[in-house]
Amino acid sequence: MPRLASLIIGFGLIFTAVDGAESQEFTAAPDLTYADMADLALGAPIVALARVERARRLDAERAVGVAPNHVRFYVEVELDTLIRSPDAVPGRVSYLVDVPHDADGRRPRIRDRQVILLAAPVPGRRGELQLIAPDAQLDWSEDRERTIRNILSEAASDDAPGTVTGVANAFSVPGTLPGESETQIFLATSDGRPVSLSILRRPNQEPRWAVSLSEIVERASPPPARDTLLWYRLACFLPDRLPEVSMENLDRDRMAVARADYRMVMEDLGPCPRQRG
């Protein structure tokens, strides 16, 4: 999308007005998952609720790089609520958006739609935005707004989990009783904030695991609930298997235990489904 902003220049000569008689209401694709919305919300400098005031279709020869069965529009919207932004944003903004045809192959009607924008400012062009992804104009729904607000609120808190990038080190030690052990898995994060997993096994008990967001592992918390920011950081970004390099200081028996403990954590977290391409 970087070149889209430059196409706005002279838009009065290269856009075609939307003909309402040739278009109909957009039929939404399968709803976005928590991970989809977290991917978009956390990567967007600007998140806002808006209403589409005007929509003009870009001529096909000028809509470079549009995906098959999509139409590119120049859109002007009135902002209703600014959920997130590093700086002030005008009440009326414009941007380019690619929207899929409906099931019958006709152009969608997007005028007057309530939308959620996930965008970035265009340097040097006040009042113009650039969507952070081709699908970063979302049809508004109460559930989507609530989920995005919760994601951003969690991310802004003082105890927000770091962005997990992989596994740093894993250690596993046996206990004093047969079948007793403790495994600690320290995760790598993009900003260096500590995140670690602790797995305890006791004879005749189900194994238990916890997660710590501080240097003090003893302050670990129970496993995160699904569709929370911490769950997303773990379930969506940890590797499927414990990397061999993270266990280089373990013997064969301890490696087997660490692998089993990690596998248990991943199974407990469950899959991280996404609908976006």
C-alpha atoms as a PDB file:
ATOM      1  CA  MET A   1       0.000   0.000   0.000  1.00  0.00           C
ATOM      2  CA  PRO A   2       2.883   2.585   0.244  1.00  0.00           C
ATOM      3  CA  ARG A   3       2.205   3.943  -3.247  1.00  0.00           C
ATOM      4  CA  LEU A   4      -1.526   4.466  -2.645  1.00  0.00           C
ATOM      5  CA  ALA A   5      -1.125   7.856  -1.019  1.00  0.00           C
ATOM      6  CA  SER A   6       0.480   9.291  -4.167  1.00  0.00           C
ATOM      7  CA  LEU A   7      -2.549   8.330  -6.235  1.00  0.00           C
ATOM      8  CA  ILE A   8      -4.695  10.840  -4.364  1.00  0.00           C
ATOM      9  CA  ILE A   9      -3.090  13.768  -6.195  1.00  0.00           C
ATOM     10  CA  GLY A  10      -5.515  15.082  -8.780  1.00  0.00           C
ATOM     11  CA  PHE A  11      -8.212  12.668  -7.739  1.00  0.00           C
ATOM     12  CA  GLY A  12     -10.905  14.842  -9.285  1.00  0.00           C
ATOM     13  CA  LEU A  13      -9.659  13.792 -12.737  1.00  0.00           C
ATOM     14  CA  ILE A  14      -9.127  10.110 -12.154  1.00  0.00           C
ATOM     15  CA  PHE A  15     -12.002   8.949  -9.949  1.00  0.00           C
ATOM     16  CA  THR A  16     -15.460   7.901 -11.076  1.00  0.00           C
ATOM     17  CA  ALA A  17     -18.444   8.614  -8.847  1.00  0.00           C
ATOM     18  CA  VAL A  18     -20.154   5.607  -7.325  1.00  0.00           C
ATOM     19  CA  ASP A  19     -23.463   4.781  -9.000  1.00  0.00           C
ATOM     20  CA  GLY A  20     -25.838   3.570  -6.314  1.00  0.00           C
ATOM     21  CA  ALA A  21     -28.054   1.857  -8.882  1.00  0.00           C
ATOM     22  CA  GLU A  22     -25.172  -0.449  -9.872  1.00  0.00           C
ATOM     23  CA  SER A  23     -24.118  -1.345  -6.372  1.00  0.00           C
ATOM     24  CA  GLN A  24     -25.606  -2.963  -3.315  1.00  0.00           C
ATOM     25  CA  GLU A  25     -24.869  -3.536   0.333  1.00  0.00           C
ATOM     26  CA  PHE A  26     -21.582  -5.198   1.121  1.00  0.00           C
ATOM     27  CA  THR A  27     -21.869  -8.790   2.331  1.00  0.00           C
ATOM     28  CA  ALA A  28     -19.353  -9.332   5.110  1.00  0.00           C
ATOM     29  CA  ALA A  29     -16.849 -12.175   5.011  1.00  0.00           C
ATOM     30  CA  PRO A  30     -16.604 -14.606   7.946  1.00  0.00           C
ATOM     31  CA  ASP A  31     -16.143 -12.567  11.081  1.00  0.00           C
ATOM     32  CA  LEU A  32     -12.669 -11.680  12.235  1.00  0.00           C
ATOM     33  CA  THR A  33     -11.102 -13.575  15.114  1.00  0.00           C
ATOM     34  CA  TYR A  34      -9.519 -12.038  18.194  1.00  0.00           C
ATOM     35  CA  ALA A  35      -6.081 -12.586  16.639  1.00  0.00           C
ATOM     36  CA  ASP A  36      -7.138 -10.822  13.431  1.00  0.00           C
ATOM     37  CA  MET A  37      -8.268  -7.761  15.349  1.00  0.00           C
ATOM     38  CA  ALA A  38      -5.203  -7.784  17.590  1.00  0.00           C
ATOM     39  CA  ASP A  39      -2.927  -7.955  14.533  1.00  0.00           C
ATOM     40  CA  LEU A  40      -4.618  -4.855  13.122  1.00  0.00           C
ATOM     41  CA  ALA A  41      -5.181  -2.842  16.295  1.00  0.00           C
ATOM     42  CA  LEU A  42      -1.688  -3.245  17.727  1.00  0.00           C
ATOM     43  CA  GLY A  43      -0.093  -2.275  14.416  1.00  0.00           C
ATOM     44  CA  ALA A  44      -2.177   0.865  13.851  1.00  0.00           C
ATOM     45  CA  PRO A  45      -0.994   4.282  15.071  1.00  0.00           C
ATOM     46  CA  ILE A  46      -4.525   5.600  14.499  1.00  0.00           C
ATOM     47  CA  VAL A  47      -7.701   3.733  15.435  1.00  0.00           C
ATOM     48  CA  ALA A  48     -10.983   5.563  14.952  1.00  0.00           C
ATOM     49  CA  LEU A  49     -14.709   5.138  14.483  1.00  0.00           C
ATOM     50  CA  ALA A  50     -16.047   6.952  11.438  1.00  0.00           C
ATOM     51  CA  ARG A  51     -18.904   7.299   8.960  1.00  0.00           C
ATOM     52  CA  VAL A  52     -18.289   7.267   5.213  1.00  0.00           C
ATOM     53  CA  GLU A  53     -19.483  10.578   3.739  1.00  0.00           C
ATOM     54  CA  ARG A  54     -18.270  10.195   0.159  1.00  0.00           C
ATOM     55  CA  ALA A  55     -16.850   7.322  -1.890  1.00  0.00           C
ATOM     56  CA  ARG A  56     -15.467   7.638  -5.414  1.00  0.00           C
ATOM     57  CA  ARG A  57     -14.281   4.695  -7.462  1.00  0.00           C
ATOM     58  CA  LEU A  58     -10.816   4.884  -8.938  1.00  0.00           C
ATOM     59  CA  ASP A  59     -10.637   4.133 -12.676  1.00  0.00           C
ATOM     60  CA  ALA A  60      -9.309   0.627 -13.307  1.00  0.00           C
ATOM     61  CA  GLU A  61      -6.218   1.850 -15.192  1.00  0.00           C
ATOM     62  CA  ARG A  62      -5.249   4.027 -12.225  1.00  0.00           C
ATOM     63  CA  ALA A  63      -5.969   1.425  -9.520  1.00  0.00           C
ATOM     64  CA  VAL A  64      -2.576  -0.251  -9.629  1.00  0.00           C
ATOM     65  CA  GLY A  65      -2.165  -3.470  -7.650  1.00  0.00           C
ATOM     66  CA  VAL A  66      -5.812  -4.011  -6.769  1.00  0.00           C
ATOM     67  CA  ALA A  67      -6.566  -7.648  -5.912  1.00  0.00           C
ATOM     68  CA  PRO A  68      -8.892  -9.602  -8.230  1.00  0.00           C
ATOM     69  CA  ASN A  69     -12.617  -8.936  -7.673  1.00  0.00           C
ATOM     70  CA  HIS A  70     -11.866  -5.794  -5.683  1.00  0.00           C
ATOM     71  CA  VAL A  71     -12.592  -2.114  -6.342  1.00  0.00           C
ATOM     72  CA  ARG A  72     -10.462   0.791  -5.122  1.00  0.00           C
ATOM     73  CA  PHE A  73     -12.299   3.778  -3.666  1.00  0.00           C
ATOM     74  CA  TYR A  74     -11.211   7.227  -2.596  1.00  0.00           C
ATOM     75  CA  VAL A  75     -13.130   7.700   0.632  1.00  0.00           C
ATOM     76  CA  GLU A  76     -13.912  10.738   2.751  1.00  0.00           C
ATOM     77  CA  VAL A  77     -15.125  10.028   6.276  1.00  0.00           C
ATOM     78  CA  GLU A  78     -16.320  11.984   9.275  1.00  0.00           C
ATOM     79  CA  LEU A  79     -14.600  10.804  12.456  1.00  0.00           C
ATOM     80  CA  ASP A  80     -16.970  10.009  15.303  1.00  0.00           C
ATOM     81  CA  THR A  81     -14.499   8.777  17.939  1.00  0.00           C
ATOM     82  CA  LEU A  82     -10.722   8.737  18.032  1.00  0.00           C
ATOM     83  CA  ILE A  83      -9.777   5.633  20.009  1.00  0.00           C
ATOM     84  CA  ARG A  84      -6.023   5.870  19.529  1.00  0.00           C
ATOM     85  CA  SER A  85      -3.730   8.448  17.968  1.00  0.00           C
ATOM     86  CA  PRO A  86      -0.305   9.897  18.801  1.00  0.00           C
ATOM     87  CA  ASP A  87      -1.358  13.332  17.519  1.00  0.00           C
ATOM     88  CA  ALA A  88      -4.473  15.357  16.749  1.00  0.00           C
ATOM     89  CA  VAL A  89      -6.430  14.273  13.677  1.00  0.00           C
ATOM     90  CA  PRO A  90      -8.883  16.471  11.711  1.00  0.00           C
ATOM     91  CA  GLY A  91     -12.553  15.607  12.054  1.00  0.00           C
ATOM     92  CA  ARG A  92     -12.789  14.818   8.344  1.00  0.00           C
ATOM     93  CA  VAL A  93     -10.154  12.618   6.682  1.00  0.00           C
ATOM     94  CA  SER A  94      -9.652  10.778   3.401  1.00  0.00           C
ATOM     95  CA  TYR A  95      -7.888   7.601   2.300  1.00  0.00           C
ATOM     96  CA  LEU A  96      -7.893   4.854  -0.325  1.00  0.00           C
ATOM     97  CA  VAL A  97      -9.484   1.472   0.320  1.00  0.00           C
ATOM     98  CA  ASP A  98      -9.873  -1.733  -1.694  1.00  0.00           C
ATOM     99  CA  VAL A  99     -13.263  -3.390  -1.212  1.00  0.00           C
ATOM    100  CA  PRO A 100     -14.363  -6.786  -2.608  1.00  0.00           C
ATOM    101  CA  HIS A 101     -17.257  -7.189  -5.025  1.00  0.00           C
ATOM    102  CA  ASP A 102     -20.412  -8.721  -3.606  1.00  0.00           C
ATOM    103  CA  ALA A 103     -21.387 -12.343  -4.212  1.00  0.00           C
ATOM    104  CA  ASP A 104     -23.007 -11.403  -7.553  1.00  0.00           C
ATOM    105  CA  GLY A 105     -19.904  -9.625  -8.765  1.00  0.00           C
ATOM    106  CA  ARG A 106     -21.344  -6.121  -8.397  1.00  0.00           C
ATOM    107  CA  ARG A 107     -19.633  -3.184  -6.732  1.00  0.00           C
ATOM    108  CA  PRO A 108     -20.360  -2.741  -3.020  1.00  0.00           C
ATOM    109  CA  ARG A 109     -22.015   0.381  -1.676  1.00  0.00           C
ATOM    110  CA  ILE A 110     -19.940   1.848   1.098  1.00  0.00           C
ATOM    111  CA  ARG A 111     -21.383   5.359   1.435  1.00  0.00           C
ATOM    112  CA  ASP A 112     -22.919   5.981   4.882  1.00  0.00           C
ATOM    113  CA  ARG A 113     -21.345   2.865   6.337  1.00  0.00           C
ATOM    114  CA  GLN A 114     -20.114   2.993   9.922  1.00  0.00           C
ATOM    115  CA  VAL A 115     -16.516   1.802   9.952  1.00  0.00           C
ATOM    116  CA  ILE A 116     -13.518   1.230  12.191  1.00  0.00           C
ATOM    117  CA  LEU A 117     -10.321   2.636  10.704  1.00  0.00           C
ATOM    118  CA  LEU A 118      -6.879   1.234  11.469  1.00  0.00           C
ATOM    119  CA  ALA A 119      -4.515   3.617   9.789  1.00  0.00           C
ATOM    120  CA  ALA A 120      -1.391   5.762   9.814  1.00  0.00           C
ATOM    121  CA  PRO A 121      -0.982   9.443   8.941  1.00  0.00           C
ATOM    122  CA  VAL A 122       0.407  10.381   5.523  1.00  0.00           C
ATOM    123  CA  PRO A 123       3.547  12.486   6.168  1.00  0.00           C
ATOM    124  CA  GLY A 124       3.092  16.086   5.102  1.00  0.00           C
ATOM    125  CA  ARG A 125      -0.592  15.664   4.215  1.00  0.00           C
ATOM    126  CA  ARG A 126      -2.853  16.674   7.062  1.00  0.00           C
ATOM    127  CA  GLY A 127      -6.264  15.130   6.698  1.00  0.00           C
ATOM    128  CA  GLU A 128      -5.076  12.118   4.692  1.00  0.00           C
ATOM    129  CA  LEU A 129      -4.601   8.643   6.131  1.00  0.00           C
ATOM    130  CA  GLN A 130      -3.227   5.369   4.835  1.00  0.00           C
ATOM    131  CA  LEU A 131      -4.764   2.102   5.958  1.00  0.00           C
ATOM    132  CA  ILE A 132      -2.165  -0.180   7.549  1.00  0.00           C
ATOM    133  CA  ALA A 133      -3.440  -3.120   5.470  1.00  0.00           C
ATOM    134  CA  PRO A 134      -5.785  -3.507   2.493  1.00  0.00           C
ATOM    135  CA  ASP A 135      -8.502  -4.807   4.830  1.00  0.00           C
ATOM    136  CA  ALA A 136      -7.951  -2.295   7.654  1.00  0.00           C
ATOM    137  CA  GLN A 137     -11.305  -0.566   7.102  1.00  0.00           C
ATOM    138  CA  LEU A 138     -13.670  -2.715   9.144  1.00  0.00           C
ATOM    139  CA  ASP A 139     -17.432  -2.560   9.159  1.00  0.00           C
ATOM    140  CA  TRP A 140     -18.409  -1.366  12.618  1.00  0.00           C
ATOM    141  CA  SER A 141     -20.051  -3.684  15.111  1.00  0.00           C
ATOM    142  CA  GLU A 142     -20.429  -3.364  18.847  1.00  0.00           C
ATOM    143  CA  ASP A 143     -18.440  -6.561  19.383  1.00  0.00           C
ATOM    144  CA  ARG A 144     -15.551  -5.418  17.156  1.00  0.00           C
ATOM    145  CA  GLU A 145     -15.366  -2.042  18.841  1.00  0.00           C
ATOM    146  CA  ARG A 146     -15.407  -3.590  22.306  1.00  0.00           C
ATOM    147  CA  THR A 147     -12.733  -6.145  21.401  1.00  0.00           C
ATOM    148  CA  ILE A 148     -10.418  -3.547  19.859  1.00  0.00           C
ATOM    149  CA  ARG A 149     -10.847  -1.203  22.819  1.00  0.00           C
ATOM    150  CA  ASN A 150     -10.016  -4.028  25.224  1.00  0.00           C
ATOM    151  CA  ILE A 151      -6.913  -4.983  23.236  1.00  0.00           C
ATOM    152  CA  LEU A 152      -5.589  -1.424  23.198  1.00  0.00           C
ATOM    153  CA  SER A 153      -6.422  -0.898  26.865  1.00  0.00           C
ATOM    154  CA  GLU A 154      -4.504  -4.034  27.865  1.00  0.00           C
ATOM    155  CA  ALA A 155      -1.574  -3.071  25.645  1.00  0.00           C
ATOM    156  CA  ALA A 156      -1.347   0.369  27.289  1.00  0.00           C
ATOM    157  CA  SER A 157      -1.329  -0.922  30.858  1.00  0.00           C
ATOM    158  CA  ASP A 158       1.846  -0.876  32.956  1.00  0.00           C
ATOM    159  CA  ASP A 159       1.869  -4.664  33.267  1.00  0.00           C
ATOM    160  CA  ALA A 160       1.218  -5.400  29.590  1.00  0.00           C
ATOM    161  CA  PRO A 161       3.027  -8.515  28.350  1.00  0.00           C
ATOM    162  CA  GLY A 162       5.967  -8.029  26.035  1.00  0.00           C
ATOM    163  CA  THR A 163       5.723  -9.016  22.384  1.00  0.00           C
ATOM    164  CA  VAL A 164       6.894 -12.631  22.329  1.00  0.00           C
ATOM    165  CA  THR A 165       9.389 -13.431  19.578  1.00  0.00           C
ATOM    166  CA  GLY A 166      10.417 -16.951  20.578  1.00  0.00           C
ATOM    167  CA  VAL A 167      11.954 -19.124  23.292  1.00  0.00           C
ATOM    168  CA  ALA A 168      15.230 -18.057  24.898  1.00  0.00           C
ATOM    169  CA  ASN A 169      16.094 -20.829  27.373  1.00  0.00           C
ATOM    170  CA  ALA A 170      14.479 -23.823  29.014  1.00  0.00           C
ATOM    171  CA  PHE A 171      15.476 -25.504  32.264  1.00  0.00           C
ATOM    172  CA  SER A 172      14.039 -28.568  33.948  1.00  0.00           C
ATOM    173  CA  VAL A 173      14.977 -30.054  37.305  1.00  0.00           C
ATOM    174  CA  PRO A 174      13.688 -33.215  39.019  1.00  0.00           C
ATOM    175  CA  GLY A 175      12.057 -33.094  42.438  1.00  0.00           C
ATOM    176  CA  THR A 176      12.741 -35.252  45.463  1.00  0.00           C
ATOM    177  CA  LEU A 177       9.927 -37.706  44.644  1.00  0.00           C
ATOM    178  CA  PRO A 178       9.559 -39.922  41.548  1.00  0.00           C
ATOM    179  CA  GLY A 179       7.623 -38.089  38.845  1.00  0.00           C
ATOM    180  CA  GLU A 180       8.160 -34.697  40.477  1.00  0.00           C
ATOM    181  CA  SER A 181       9.749 -31.904  38.413  1.00  0.00           C
ATOM    182  CA  GLU A 182       9.745 -28.209  37.626  1.00  0.00           C
ATOM    183  CA  THR A 183      10.385 -26.718  34.206  1.00  0.00           C
ATOM    184  CA  GLN A 184      11.007 -23.038  33.549  1.00  0.00           C
ATOM    185  CA  ILE A 185      10.880 -21.662  30.027  1.00  0.00           C
ATOM    186  CA  PHE A 186      12.114 -18.118  29.479  1.00  0.00           C
ATOM    187  CA  LEU A 187      10.721 -16.359  26.429  1.00  0.00           C
ATOM    188  CA  ALA A 188      12.352 -13.793  24.156  1.00  0.00           C
ATOM    189  CA  THR A 189      10.481 -10.517  23.663  1.00  0.00           C
ATOM    190  CA  SER A 190      10.982  -7.663  21.235  1.00  0.00           C
ATOM    191  CA  ASP A 191      11.441  -5.058  23.967  1.00  0.00           C
ATOM    192  CA  GLY A 192      13.220  -7.187  26.576  1.00  0.00           C
ATOM    193  CA  ARG A 193      10.305  -7.340  29.007  1.00  0.00           C
ATOM    194  CA  PRO A 194      10.435 -10.610  30.966  1.00  0.00           C
ATOM    195  CA  VAL A 195       7.948 -13.386  30.197  1.00  0.00           C
ATOM    196  CA  SER A 196       8.438 -16.908  31.490  1.00  0.00           C
ATOM    197  CA  LEU A 197       6.479 -20.130  31.883  1.00  0.00           C
ATOM    198  CA  SER A 198       6.643 -22.463  34.892  1.00  0.00           C
ATOM    199  CA  ILE A 199       5.371 -26.030  34.767  1.00  0.00           C
ATOM    200  CA  LEU A 200       5.070 -28.104  37.938  1.00  0.00           C
ATOM    201  CA  ARG A 201       4.563 -31.869  38.093  1.00  0.00           C
ATOM    202  CA  ARG A 202       3.645 -33.649  41.310  1.00  0.00           C
ATOM    203  CA  PRO A 203       2.955 -37.345  41.874  1.00  0.00           C
ATOM    204  CA  ASN A 204      -0.721 -38.277  41.402  1.00  0.00           C
ATOM    205  CA  GLN A 205      -1.593 -34.736  40.320  1.00  0.00           C
ATOM    206  CA  GLU A 206      -2.298 -33.107  36.983  1.00  0.00           C
ATOM    207  CA  PRO A 207       0.615 -30.920  35.835  1.00  0.00           C
ATOM    208  CA  ARG A 208       0.056 -27.211  36.389  1.00  0.00           C
ATOM    209  CA  TRP A 209       1.563 -24.245  34.616  1.00  0.00           C
ATOM    210  CA  ALA A 210       1.716 -20.518  35.189  1.00  0.00           C
ATOM    211  CA  VAL A 211       3.125 -17.451  33.483  1.00  0.00           C
ATOM    212  CA  SER A 212       5.246 -14.672  34.974  1.00  0.00           C
ATOM    213  CA  LEU A 213       5.659 -11.138  33.621  1.00  0.00           C
ATOM    214  CA  SER A 214       8.441 -10.131  35.982  1.00  0.00           C
ATOM    215  CA  GLU A 215      11.923 -11.218  36.930  1.00  0.00           C
ATOM    216  CA  ILE A 216      10.446 -12.863  40.028  1.00  0.00           C
ATOM    217  CA  VAL A 217       9.115 -16.188  38.801  1.00  0.00           C
ATOM    218  CA  GLU A 218       7.421 -16.868  42.153  1.00  0.00           C
ATOM    219  CA  ARG A 219       4.874 -14.149  41.286  1.00  0.00           C
ATOM    220  CA  ALA A 220       3.541 -16.171  38.387  1.00  0.00           C
ATOM    221  CA  SER A 221      -0.147 -15.994  37.484  1.00  0.00           C
ATOM    222  CA  PRO A 222      -2.485 -18.754  36.293  1.00  0.00           C
ATOM    223  CA  PRO A 223      -2.744 -19.489  32.554  1.00  0.00           C
ATOM    224  CA  PRO A 224      -4.368 -16.603  30.654  1.00  0.00           C
ATOM    225  CA  ALA A 225      -7.978 -16.741  29.536  1.00  0.00           C
ATOM    226  CA  ARG A 226      -8.543 -17.172  25.826  1.00  0.00           C
ATOM    227  CA  ASP A 227      -8.942 -13.986  23.757  1.00  0.00           C
ATOM    228  CA  THR A 228      -6.876 -11.811  26.062  1.00  0.00           C
ATOM    229  CA  LEU A 229      -3.689  -9.987  25.153  1.00  0.00           C
ATOM    230  CA  LEU A 230      -1.456 -12.374  27.089  1.00  0.00           C
ATOM    231  CA  TRP A 231      -3.128 -15.392  25.482  1.00  0.00           C
ATOM    232  CA  TYR A 232      -2.565 -13.778  22.065  1.00  0.00           C
ATOM    233  CA  ARG A 233       1.114 -13.102  22.791  1.00  0.00           C
ATOM    234  CA  LEU A 234       1.653 -16.747  23.701  1.00  0.00           C
ATOM    235  CA  ALA A 235      -0.705 -18.768  21.515  1.00  0.00           C
ATOM    236  CA  CYS A 236      -0.109 -16.772  18.339  1.00  0.00           C
ATOM    237  CA  PHE A 237       3.662 -16.282  18.471  1.00  0.00           C
ATOM    238  CA  LEU A 238       5.277 -19.192  20.264  1.00  0.00           C
ATOM    239  CA  PRO A 239       6.751 -21.935  18.053  1.00  0.00           C
ATOM    240  CA  ASP A 240       4.869 -25.231  17.884  1.00  0.00           C
ATOM    241  CA  ARG A 241       7.797 -27.122  19.399  1.00  0.00           C
ATOM    242  CA  LEU A 242      10.452 -26.256  21.929  1.00  0.00           C
ATOM    243  CA  PRO A 243      13.578 -25.294  19.943  1.00  0.00           C
ATOM    244  CA  GLU A 244      16.574 -27.556  20.434  1.00  0.00           C
ATOM    245  CA  VAL A 245      18.877 -24.581  20.966  1.00  0.00           C
ATOM    246  CA  SER A 246      16.883 -23.541  24.033  1.00  0.00           C
ATOM    247  CA  MET A 247      17.682 -26.880  25.732  1.00  0.00           C
ATOM    248  CA  GLU A 248      21.413 -27.116  25.041  1.00  0.00           C
ATOM    249  CA  ASN A 249      22.239 -27.309  28.745  1.00  0.00           C
ATOM    250  CA  LEU A 250      19.849 -30.196  29.471  1.00  0.00           C
ATOM    251  CA  ASP A 251      20.570 -33.896  29.370  1.00  0.00           C
ATOM    252  CA  ARG A 252      18.401 -36.267  27.339  1.00  0.00           C
ATOM    253  CA  ASP A 253      15.963 -37.087  30.167  1.00  0.00           C
ATOM    254  CA  ARG A 254      15.471 -33.437  31.128  1.00  0.00           C
ATOM    255  CA  MET A 255      14.984 -32.516  27.459  1.00  0.00           C
ATOM    256  CA  ALA A 256      12.178 -35.069  27.178  1.00  0.00           C
ATOM    257  CA  VAL A 257      10.449 -33.596  30.232  1.00  0.00           C
ATOM    258  CA  ALA A 258      10.864 -30.018  28.964  1.00  0.00           C
ATOM    259  CA  ARG A 259       9.417 -30.981  25.572  1.00  0.00           C
ATOM    260  CA  ALA A 260       6.418 -32.651  27.200  1.00  0.00           C
ATOM    261  CA  ASP A 261       5.821 -29.653  29.467  1.00  0.00           C
ATOM    262  CA  TYR A 262       6.006 -27.204  26.581  1.00  0.00           C
ATOM    263  CA  ARG A 263       3.645 -29.371  24.524  1.00  0.00           C
ATOM    264  CA  MET A 264       1.182 -29.368  27.422  1.00  0.00           C
ATOM    265  CA  VAL A 265       1.275 -25.562  27.588  1.00  0.00           C
ATOM    266  CA  MET A 266       0.674 -25.219  23.851  1.00  0.00           C
ATOM    267  CA  GLU A 267      -2.218 -27.674  23.946  1.00  0.00           C
ATOM    268  CA  ASP A 268      -3.738 -25.779  26.863  1.00  0.00           C
ATOM    269  CA  LEU A 269      -3.428 -22.462  25.031  1.00  0.00           C
ATOM    270  CA  GLY A 270      -5.063 -23.960  21.971  1.00  0.00           C
ATOM    271  CA  PRO A 271      -4.799 -22.819  18.343  1.00  0.00           C
ATOM    272  CA  CYS A 272      -4.620 -19.204  17.202  1.00  0.00           C
ATOM    273  CA  PRO A 273      -7.178 -19.017  14.382  1.00  0.00           C
ATOM    274  CA  ARG A 274      -7.101 -16.227  11.808  1.00  0.00           C
ATOM    275  CA  GLN A 275      -9.527 -15.404   8.992  1.00  0.00           C
ATOM    276  CA  ARG A 276      -7.482 -12.738   7.230  1.00  0.00           C
ATOM    277  CA  GLY A 277      -5.346 -13.765   4.294  1.00  0.00           C
END
